[in-house]
Amino acid sequence: MSGTVLVLGGRSEIGLAVARRLIGSDNSTVLAARRSDDLDEQEAALRRAGATEVGRVEFDADDLARHRPVLDEVIARHGPLDVVVVAFGILGDQQRAETDAAHAAAVVHTDYLAHVHLLTEVVNVLREQGHGKVVVFSSVAGIRVRRANYVYGSAKAGLDGFAGGLADALHGSGIGLLLVRPGFVIGRMTEGMKPAPFSSTPDQVADATVAALRRGRGEVWVPAVLRPVFFVMRLLPRTVWRRLPR
């Protein structure tokens, strides 16, 4: 990759793992996150991996009005965007969200609405450039929403549908969109939770993501076995489905 790799969600384990794999001699990496002055650990990891230019920008995904100014600031400082990795999100507390409407809305705002707004702005920028790729992280949780995590799952279902439609709209434009559907990822976000079958690590997700990106693919399931598994799981009766764990 050449040009600028922008990670929106600069503390994301998966986002950072993808960025490490995209480091090259002629590109720069920019980490966008809240409290951007506190990204020393993340920047050091990129520099250990060989990055010579690492930038930071203040970014709050929930502040929709700041989305386009952040993108413009990155371009002004670091040049055109080559790859935009959209890696922010929250899991939320399902039990709390079932009675706390504000918390439920906050999860959906970050995991769906903020993504819709940001992706629209990102694509506007890439269209103006005439090139670029964007990576969107959906989840198998959105393929068929489970009772055990329906707030988070419903947001991912919306994002999956939006990203799929956006990819179709971009067909033939020179702008690429890669939709990544990981299963349970063992990492900081899921710490303390029992891993689900076919779990993966941030590095495994990043390996599959970068391989698909370089091949020009439009979507990738991580691990790949989840695709046929969820084809079958869609057929389960609702009486069985509602009892499945997260």
C-alpha atoms as a PDB file:
ATOM      1  CA  MET A   1       0.000   0.000   0.000  1.00  0.00           C
ATOM      2  CA  SER A   2       1.110   3.580  -0.656  1.00  0.00           C
ATOM      3  CA  GLY A   3      -0.304   6.834   0.621  1.00  0.00           C
ATOM      4  CA  THR A   4      -2.023   7.253   3.966  1.00  0.00           C
ATOM      5  CA  VAL A   5      -3.547   4.468   6.051  1.00  0.00           C
ATOM      6  CA  LEU A   6      -6.115   5.974   8.427  1.00  0.00           C
ATOM      7  CA  VAL A   7      -7.350   3.936  11.392  1.00  0.00           C
ATOM      8  CA  LEU A   8     -10.595   5.378  12.743  1.00  0.00           C
ATOM      9  CA  GLY A   9     -10.587   3.839  16.185  1.00  0.00           C
ATOM     10  CA  GLY A  10      -6.890   4.121  16.922  1.00  0.00           C
ATOM     11  CA  ARG A  11      -7.011   1.917  20.030  1.00  0.00           C
ATOM     12  CA  SER A  12      -8.730  -0.982  18.303  1.00  0.00           C
ATOM     13  CA  GLU A  13      -6.659  -4.152  18.533  1.00  0.00           C
ATOM     14  CA  ILE A  14      -7.890  -5.285  15.132  1.00  0.00           C
ATOM     15  CA  GLY A  15      -7.425  -1.870  13.556  1.00  0.00           C
ATOM     16  CA  LEU A  16      -3.848  -1.651  14.802  1.00  0.00           C
ATOM     17  CA  ALA A  17      -3.099  -5.191  13.665  1.00  0.00           C
ATOM     18  CA  VAL A  18      -4.349  -4.315  10.175  1.00  0.00           C
ATOM     19  CA  ALA A  19      -2.290  -1.113  10.156  1.00  0.00           C
ATOM     20  CA  ARG A  20       0.882  -3.009  11.117  1.00  0.00           C
ATOM     21  CA  ARG A  21       0.434  -5.275   8.126  1.00  0.00           C
ATOM     22  CA  LEU A  22      -0.033  -2.344   5.754  1.00  0.00           C
ATOM     23  CA  ILE A  23       3.153  -0.537   6.743  1.00  0.00           C
ATOM     24  CA  GLY A  24       5.364   0.216   3.786  1.00  0.00           C
ATOM     25  CA  SER A  25       8.324   2.383   2.899  1.00  0.00           C
ATOM     26  CA  ASP A  26       6.184   4.971   1.112  1.00  0.00           C
ATOM     27  CA  ASN A  27       3.120   5.296   3.306  1.00  0.00           C
ATOM     28  CA  SER A  28       2.128   6.887   6.582  1.00  0.00           C
ATOM     29  CA  THR A  29      -0.258   5.700   9.286  1.00  0.00           C
ATOM     30  CA  VAL A  30      -2.662   7.959  11.147  1.00  0.00           C
ATOM     31  CA  LEU A  31      -4.418   6.922  14.342  1.00  0.00           C
ATOM     32  CA  ALA A  32      -7.726   8.652  15.032  1.00  0.00           C
ATOM     33  CA  ALA A  33      -9.176   8.322  18.529  1.00  0.00           C
ATOM     34  CA  ARG A  34     -10.374  10.208  21.560  1.00  0.00           C
ATOM     35  CA  ARG A  35      -7.554  11.395  23.813  1.00  0.00           C
ATOM     36  CA  SER A  36      -5.185  11.201  20.863  1.00  0.00           C
ATOM     37  CA  ASP A  37      -2.346  12.493  23.033  1.00  0.00           C
ATOM     38  CA  ASP A  38      -2.541   9.185  24.928  1.00  0.00           C
ATOM     39  CA  LEU A  39      -1.673   6.873  22.043  1.00  0.00           C
ATOM     40  CA  ASP A  40       2.007   6.400  22.844  1.00  0.00           C
ATOM     41  CA  GLU A  41       1.665   2.627  23.233  1.00  0.00           C
ATOM     42  CA  GLN A  42      -0.137   2.272  19.911  1.00  0.00           C
ATOM     43  CA  GLU A  43       2.320   4.510  18.070  1.00  0.00           C
ATOM     44  CA  ALA A  44       5.280   2.617  19.536  1.00  0.00           C
ATOM     45  CA  ALA A  45       3.829  -0.683  18.314  1.00  0.00           C
ATOM     46  CA  LEU A  46       3.568   0.693  14.782  1.00  0.00           C
ATOM     47  CA  ARG A  47       7.110   2.049  14.865  1.00  0.00           C
ATOM     48  CA  ARG A  48       8.432  -1.296  16.095  1.00  0.00           C
ATOM     49  CA  ALA A  49       6.732  -2.841  13.072  1.00  0.00           C
ATOM     50  CA  GLY A  50       8.655  -0.488  10.785  1.00  0.00           C
ATOM     51  CA  ALA A  51       6.472   2.619  10.462  1.00  0.00           C
ATOM     52  CA  THR A  52       8.498   5.780   9.946  1.00  0.00           C
ATOM     53  CA  GLU A  53       5.605   8.246   9.884  1.00  0.00           C
ATOM     54  CA  VAL A  54       2.804   7.904  12.431  1.00  0.00           C
ATOM     55  CA  GLY A  55       0.285  10.695  12.926  1.00  0.00           C
ATOM     56  CA  ARG A  56      -2.505  11.222  15.423  1.00  0.00           C
ATOM     57  CA  VAL A  57      -5.787  13.086  15.211  1.00  0.00           C
ATOM     58  CA  GLU A  58      -8.506  13.706  17.766  1.00  0.00           C
ATOM     59  CA  PHE A  59     -11.624  11.752  16.813  1.00  0.00           C
ATOM     60  CA  ASP A  60     -14.883  11.041  18.620  1.00  0.00           C
ATOM     61  CA  ALA A  61     -17.049   8.739  16.512  1.00  0.00           C
ATOM     62  CA  ASP A  62     -20.223   9.968  18.189  1.00  0.00           C
ATOM     63  CA  ASP A  63     -19.513  13.598  17.237  1.00  0.00           C
ATOM     64  CA  LEU A  64     -21.005  13.439  13.757  1.00  0.00           C
ATOM     65  CA  ALA A  65     -20.353  17.084  12.940  1.00  0.00           C
ATOM     66  CA  ARG A  66     -16.595  16.501  13.280  1.00  0.00           C
ATOM     67  CA  HIS A  67     -16.358  13.563  10.883  1.00  0.00           C
ATOM     68  CA  ARG A  68     -15.602  15.507   7.703  1.00  0.00           C
ATOM     69  CA  PRO A  69     -13.285  18.043   9.413  1.00  0.00           C
ATOM     70  CA  VAL A  70     -11.231  15.159  10.813  1.00  0.00           C
ATOM     71  CA  LEU A  71     -10.852  13.611   7.369  1.00  0.00           C
ATOM     72  CA  ASP A  72      -9.904  16.972   5.866  1.00  0.00           C
ATOM     73  CA  GLU A  73      -7.326  17.524   8.615  1.00  0.00           C
ATOM     74  CA  VAL A  74      -5.697  14.157   7.960  1.00  0.00           C
ATOM     75  CA  ILE A  75      -5.492  14.801   4.229  1.00  0.00           C
ATOM     76  CA  ALA A  76      -4.074  18.295   4.749  1.00  0.00           C
ATOM     77  CA  ARG A  77      -1.319  16.931   6.995  1.00  0.00           C
ATOM     78  CA  HIS A  78      -0.565  13.562   5.429  1.00  0.00           C
ATOM     79  CA  GLY A  79      -1.875  13.539   1.883  1.00  0.00           C
ATOM     80  CA  PRO A  80      -4.539  11.468   0.083  1.00  0.00           C
ATOM     81  CA  LEU A  81      -6.094   8.487   1.818  1.00  0.00           C
ATOM     82  CA  ASP A  82      -5.157   5.076   0.466  1.00  0.00           C
ATOM     83  CA  VAL A  83      -6.879   2.812   2.997  1.00  0.00           C
ATOM     84  CA  VAL A  84      -9.414   3.849   5.635  1.00  0.00           C
ATOM     85  CA  VAL A  85      -9.903   1.259   8.381  1.00  0.00           C
ATOM     86  CA  VAL A  86     -13.147   1.875  10.269  1.00  0.00           C
ATOM     87  CA  ALA A  87     -12.459   0.064  13.526  1.00  0.00           C
ATOM     88  CA  PHE A  88     -14.389   1.783  16.299  1.00  0.00           C
ATOM     89  CA  GLY A  89     -17.350   0.353  18.185  1.00  0.00           C
ATOM     90  CA  ILE A  90     -18.713  -0.679  21.561  1.00  0.00           C
ATOM     91  CA  LEU A  91     -20.144  -3.952  22.792  1.00  0.00           C
ATOM     92  CA  GLY A  92     -22.337  -2.390  25.453  1.00  0.00           C
ATOM     93  CA  ASP A  93     -24.088  -4.171  28.299  1.00  0.00           C
ATOM     94  CA  GLN A  94     -26.993  -6.228  26.963  1.00  0.00           C
ATOM     95  CA  GLN A  95     -28.645  -6.686  30.352  1.00  0.00           C
ATOM     96  CA  ARG A  96     -28.519  -2.966  31.060  1.00  0.00           C
ATOM     97  CA  ALA A  97     -29.682  -2.077  27.552  1.00  0.00           C
ATOM     98  CA  GLU A  98     -32.859  -4.120  27.976  1.00  0.00           C
ATOM     99  CA  THR A  99     -34.176  -1.629  30.538  1.00  0.00           C
ATOM    100  CA  ASP A 100     -31.988   1.458  30.060  1.00  0.00           C
ATOM    101  CA  ALA A 101     -33.212   3.049  26.849  1.00  0.00           C
ATOM    102  CA  ALA A 102     -30.431   5.632  26.808  1.00  0.00           C
ATOM    103  CA  HIS A 103     -27.770   2.917  26.947  1.00  0.00           C
ATOM    104  CA  ALA A 104     -29.468   0.933  24.192  1.00  0.00           C
ATOM    105  CA  ALA A 105     -29.579   4.057  22.026  1.00  0.00           C
ATOM    106  CA  ALA A 106     -25.914   4.813  22.769  1.00  0.00           C
ATOM    107  CA  VAL A 107     -24.844   1.367  21.531  1.00  0.00           C
ATOM    108  CA  VAL A 108     -26.854   1.739  18.333  1.00  0.00           C
ATOM    109  CA  HIS A 109     -25.637   5.308  17.818  1.00  0.00           C
ATOM    110  CA  THR A 110     -21.971   4.293  17.943  1.00  0.00           C
ATOM    111  CA  ASP A 111     -22.223   0.943  16.197  1.00  0.00           C
ATOM    112  CA  TYR A 112     -24.673   1.942  13.465  1.00  0.00           C
ATOM    113  CA  LEU A 113     -25.588   5.610  13.102  1.00  0.00           C
ATOM    114  CA  ALA A 114     -22.042   6.919  13.540  1.00  0.00           C
ATOM    115  CA  HIS A 115     -20.801   4.345  11.021  1.00  0.00           C
ATOM    116  CA  VAL A 116     -23.433   5.362   8.459  1.00  0.00           C
ATOM    117  CA  HIS A 117     -22.515   9.030   8.783  1.00  0.00           C
ATOM    118  CA  LEU A 118     -18.770   8.444   8.763  1.00  0.00           C
ATOM    119  CA  LEU A 119     -18.772   5.973   5.874  1.00  0.00           C
ATOM    120  CA  THR A 120     -20.783   8.417   3.780  1.00  0.00           C
ATOM    121  CA  GLU A 121     -18.215  11.131   4.454  1.00  0.00           C
ATOM    122  CA  VAL A 122     -15.293   8.764   3.838  1.00  0.00           C
ATOM    123  CA  VAL A 123     -16.726   7.697   0.494  1.00  0.00           C
ATOM    124  CA  ASN A 124     -17.318  11.359  -0.447  1.00  0.00           C
ATOM    125  CA  VAL A 125     -13.615  12.001   0.149  1.00  0.00           C
ATOM    126  CA  LEU A 126     -12.474   8.923  -1.766  1.00  0.00           C
ATOM    127  CA  ARG A 127     -14.717   9.814  -4.697  1.00  0.00           C
ATOM    128  CA  GLU A 128     -13.177  13.293  -4.783  1.00  0.00           C
ATOM    129  CA  GLN A 129      -9.730  11.670  -4.821  1.00  0.00           C
ATOM    130  CA  GLY A 130     -10.774   9.148  -7.446  1.00  0.00           C
ATOM    131  CA  HIS A 131      -9.257   6.222  -5.566  1.00  0.00           C
ATOM    132  CA  GLY A 132      -8.990   4.522  -2.176  1.00  0.00           C
ATOM    133  CA  LYS A 133     -10.267   1.589  -0.169  1.00  0.00           C
ATOM    134  CA  VAL A 134     -12.318   1.357   3.005  1.00  0.00           C
ATOM    135  CA  VAL A 135     -12.473  -1.548   5.440  1.00  0.00           C
ATOM    136  CA  VAL A 136     -15.695  -2.029   7.436  1.00  0.00           C
ATOM    137  CA  PHE A 137     -15.984  -4.452  10.350  1.00  0.00           C
ATOM    138  CA  SER A 138     -19.395  -6.038  10.653  1.00  0.00           C
ATOM    139  CA  SER A 139     -19.949  -9.203  12.718  1.00  0.00           C
ATOM    140  CA  VAL A 140     -21.635 -12.557  12.466  1.00  0.00           C
ATOM    141  CA  ALA A 141     -23.775 -11.210  15.328  1.00  0.00           C
ATOM    142  CA  GLY A 142     -25.629  -9.216  12.680  1.00  0.00           C
ATOM    143  CA  ILE A 143     -26.316 -12.097  10.291  1.00  0.00           C
ATOM    144  CA  ARG A 144     -29.144 -13.365  12.456  1.00  0.00           C
ATOM    145  CA  VAL A 145     -29.689 -11.414  15.645  1.00  0.00           C
ATOM    146  CA  ARG A 146     -29.710 -13.465  18.842  1.00  0.00           C
ATOM    147  CA  ARG A 147     -31.745 -12.782  21.932  1.00  0.00           C
ATOM    148  CA  ALA A 148     -28.551 -12.907  24.045  1.00  0.00           C
ATOM    149  CA  ASN A 149     -27.071  -9.758  22.429  1.00  0.00           C
ATOM    150  CA  TYR A 150     -29.846  -8.294  20.315  1.00  0.00           C
ATOM    151  CA  VAL A 151     -28.971  -4.632  20.879  1.00  0.00           C
ATOM    152  CA  TYR A 152     -25.395  -4.971  19.620  1.00  0.00           C
ATOM    153  CA  GLY A 153     -26.470  -7.541  17.035  1.00  0.00           C
ATOM    154  CA  SER A 154     -29.189  -5.305  15.603  1.00  0.00           C
ATOM    155  CA  ALA A 155     -26.684  -2.467  15.146  1.00  0.00           C
ATOM    156  CA  LYS A 156     -24.314  -4.810  13.332  1.00  0.00           C
ATOM    157  CA  ALA A 157     -27.187  -6.096  11.200  1.00  0.00           C
ATOM    158  CA  GLY A 158     -27.920  -2.543  10.117  1.00  0.00           C
ATOM    159  CA  LEU A 159     -24.260  -1.834   9.447  1.00  0.00           C
ATOM    160  CA  ASP A 160     -23.866  -5.020   7.434  1.00  0.00           C
ATOM    161  CA  GLY A 161     -26.821  -4.087   5.238  1.00  0.00           C
ATOM    162  CA  PHE A 162     -25.655  -0.506   4.796  1.00  0.00           C
ATOM    163  CA  ALA A 163     -22.097  -1.511   3.917  1.00  0.00           C
ATOM    164  CA  GLY A 164     -23.302  -4.119   1.455  1.00  0.00           C
ATOM    165  CA  GLY A 165     -25.516  -1.584  -0.315  1.00  0.00           C
ATOM    166  CA  LEU A 166     -22.733   0.998  -0.285  1.00  0.00           C
ATOM    167  CA  ALA A 167     -20.350  -1.512  -1.870  1.00  0.00           C
ATOM    168  CA  ASP A 168     -22.876  -2.064  -4.667  1.00  0.00           C
ATOM    169  CA  ALA A 169     -23.195   1.693  -5.152  1.00  0.00           C
ATOM    170  CA  LEU A 170     -19.404   1.955  -5.463  1.00  0.00           C
ATOM    171  CA  HIS A 171     -19.105  -0.797  -8.071  1.00  0.00           C
ATOM    172  CA  GLY A 172     -17.130   0.472 -11.045  1.00  0.00           C
ATOM    173  CA  SER A 173     -16.153   3.727  -9.326  1.00  0.00           C
ATOM    174  CA  GLY A 174     -12.563   2.797  -8.533  1.00  0.00           C
ATOM    175  CA  ILE A 175     -13.347   2.915  -4.814  1.00  0.00           C
ATOM    176  CA  GLY A 176     -13.153  -0.419  -2.978  1.00  0.00           C
ATOM    177  CA  LEU A 177     -15.073  -1.510   0.101  1.00  0.00           C
ATOM    178  CA  LEU A 178     -14.135  -4.619   2.062  1.00  0.00           C
ATOM    179  CA  LEU A 179     -16.763  -5.917   4.488  1.00  0.00           C
ATOM    180  CA  VAL A 180     -15.270  -8.108   7.227  1.00  0.00           C
ATOM    181  CA  ARG A 181     -17.517 -10.470   9.223  1.00  0.00           C
ATOM    182  CA  PRO A 182     -15.586 -11.889  12.175  1.00  0.00           C
ATOM    183  CA  GLY A 183     -17.032 -14.206  14.772  1.00  0.00           C
ATOM    184  CA  PHE A 184     -16.151 -13.964  18.453  1.00  0.00           C
ATOM    185  CA  VAL A 185     -12.795 -12.202  18.765  1.00  0.00           C
ATOM    186  CA  ILE A 186     -10.713 -12.938  21.852  1.00  0.00           C
ATOM    187  CA  GLY A 187      -9.368  -9.586  22.959  1.00  0.00           C
ATOM    188  CA  ARG A 188      -9.777  -6.572  25.173  1.00  0.00           C
ATOM    189  CA  MET A 189     -13.368  -5.929  24.080  1.00  0.00           C
ATOM    190  CA  THR A 190     -14.499  -9.426  25.097  1.00  0.00           C
ATOM    191  CA  GLU A 191     -12.288  -9.854  28.159  1.00  0.00           C
ATOM    192  CA  GLY A 192     -13.973 -11.980  30.825  1.00  0.00           C
ATOM    193  CA  MET A 193     -16.418 -13.553  28.364  1.00  0.00           C
ATOM    194  CA  LYS A 194     -16.389 -17.233  27.475  1.00  0.00           C
ATOM    195  CA  PRO A 195     -15.118 -17.612  23.877  1.00  0.00           C
ATOM    196  CA  ALA A 196     -17.671 -18.877  21.389  1.00  0.00           C
ATOM    197  CA  PRO A 197     -16.969 -21.722  18.939  1.00  0.00           C
ATOM    198  CA  PHE A 198     -14.764 -20.743  15.988  1.00  0.00           C
ATOM    199  CA  SER A 199     -13.272 -17.820  17.889  1.00  0.00           C
ATOM    200  CA  SER A 200     -10.335 -15.879  16.481  1.00  0.00           C
ATOM    201  CA  THR A 201      -7.751 -13.374  17.658  1.00  0.00           C
ATOM    202  CA  PRO A 202      -7.178  -9.798  16.423  1.00  0.00           C
ATOM    203  CA  ASP A 203      -4.102 -10.999  14.528  1.00  0.00           C
ATOM    204  CA  GLN A 204      -6.078 -13.721  12.767  1.00  0.00           C
ATOM    205  CA  VAL A 205      -8.764 -11.220  11.777  1.00  0.00           C
ATOM    206  CA  ALA A 206      -6.087  -8.814  10.541  1.00  0.00           C
ATOM    207  CA  ASP A 207      -4.358 -11.531   8.496  1.00  0.00           C
ATOM    208  CA  ALA A 208      -7.606 -12.426   6.737  1.00  0.00           C
ATOM    209  CA  THR A 209      -8.541  -8.764   6.271  1.00  0.00           C
ATOM    210  CA  VAL A 210      -5.259  -7.733   4.663  1.00  0.00           C
ATOM    211  CA  ALA A 211      -5.169 -10.827   2.454  1.00  0.00           C
ATOM    212  CA  ALA A 212      -8.680 -10.031   1.204  1.00  0.00           C
ATOM    213  CA  LEU A 213      -7.809  -6.352   0.764  1.00  0.00           C
ATOM    214  CA  ARG A 214      -4.801  -7.160  -1.383  1.00  0.00           C
ATOM    215  CA  ARG A 215      -6.826  -9.581  -3.501  1.00  0.00           C
ATOM    216  CA  GLY A 216      -9.499  -6.958  -4.106  1.00  0.00           C
ATOM    217  CA  ARG A 217     -12.249  -8.984  -2.473  1.00  0.00           C
ATOM    218  CA  GLY A 218     -15.512  -7.428  -1.329  1.00  0.00           C
ATOM    219  CA  GLU A 219     -16.139  -9.473   1.799  1.00  0.00           C
ATOM    220  CA  VAL A 220     -14.446 -11.962   4.085  1.00  0.00           C
ATOM    221  CA  TRP A 221     -15.654 -14.143   6.971  1.00  0.00           C
ATOM    222  CA  VAL A 222     -13.236 -14.834   9.817  1.00  0.00           C
ATOM    223  CA  PRO A 223     -12.739 -17.734  10.160  1.00  0.00           C
ATOM    224  CA  ALA A 224     -14.029 -18.812   6.753  1.00  0.00           C
ATOM    225  CA  VAL A 225     -15.942 -21.761   8.247  1.00  0.00           C
ATOM    226  CA  LEU A 226     -18.471 -19.319   9.718  1.00  0.00           C
ATOM    227  CA  ARG A 227     -20.004 -18.686   6.324  1.00  0.00           C
ATOM    228  CA  PRO A 228     -21.456 -22.199   5.857  1.00  0.00           C
ATOM    229  CA  VAL A 229     -22.150 -22.449   9.601  1.00  0.00           C
ATOM    230  CA  PHE A 230     -24.366 -19.366   9.543  1.00  0.00           C
ATOM    231  CA  PHE A 231     -26.057 -20.506   6.348  1.00  0.00           C
ATOM    232  CA  VAL A 232     -27.308 -23.462   8.368  1.00  0.00           C
ATOM    233  CA  MET A 233     -27.970 -21.434  11.533  1.00  0.00           C
ATOM    234  CA  ARG A 234     -30.338 -19.161   9.648  1.00  0.00           C
ATOM    235  CA  LEU A 235     -32.592 -22.194   9.207  1.00  0.00           C
ATOM    236  CA  LEU A 236     -32.912 -23.011  12.919  1.00  0.00           C
ATOM    237  CA  PRO A 237     -36.434 -22.643  14.336  1.00  0.00           C
ATOM    238  CA  ARG A 238     -36.935 -19.521  16.461  1.00  0.00           C
ATOM    239  CA  THR A 239     -37.767 -21.692  19.490  1.00  0.00           C
ATOM    240  CA  VAL A 240     -34.217 -23.038  19.310  1.00  0.00           C
ATOM    241  CA  TRP A 241     -32.566 -19.815  18.183  1.00  0.00           C
ATOM    242  CA  ARG A 242     -33.774 -17.705  21.087  1.00  0.00           C
ATOM    243  CA  ARG A 243     -32.059 -20.027  23.572  1.00  0.00           C
ATOM    244  CA  LEU A 244     -28.624 -19.780  21.979  1.00  0.00           C
ATOM    245  CA  PRO A 245     -25.912 -17.998  23.992  1.00  0.00           C
ATOM    246  CA  ARG A 246     -24.022 -14.949  22.828  1.00  0.00           C
END
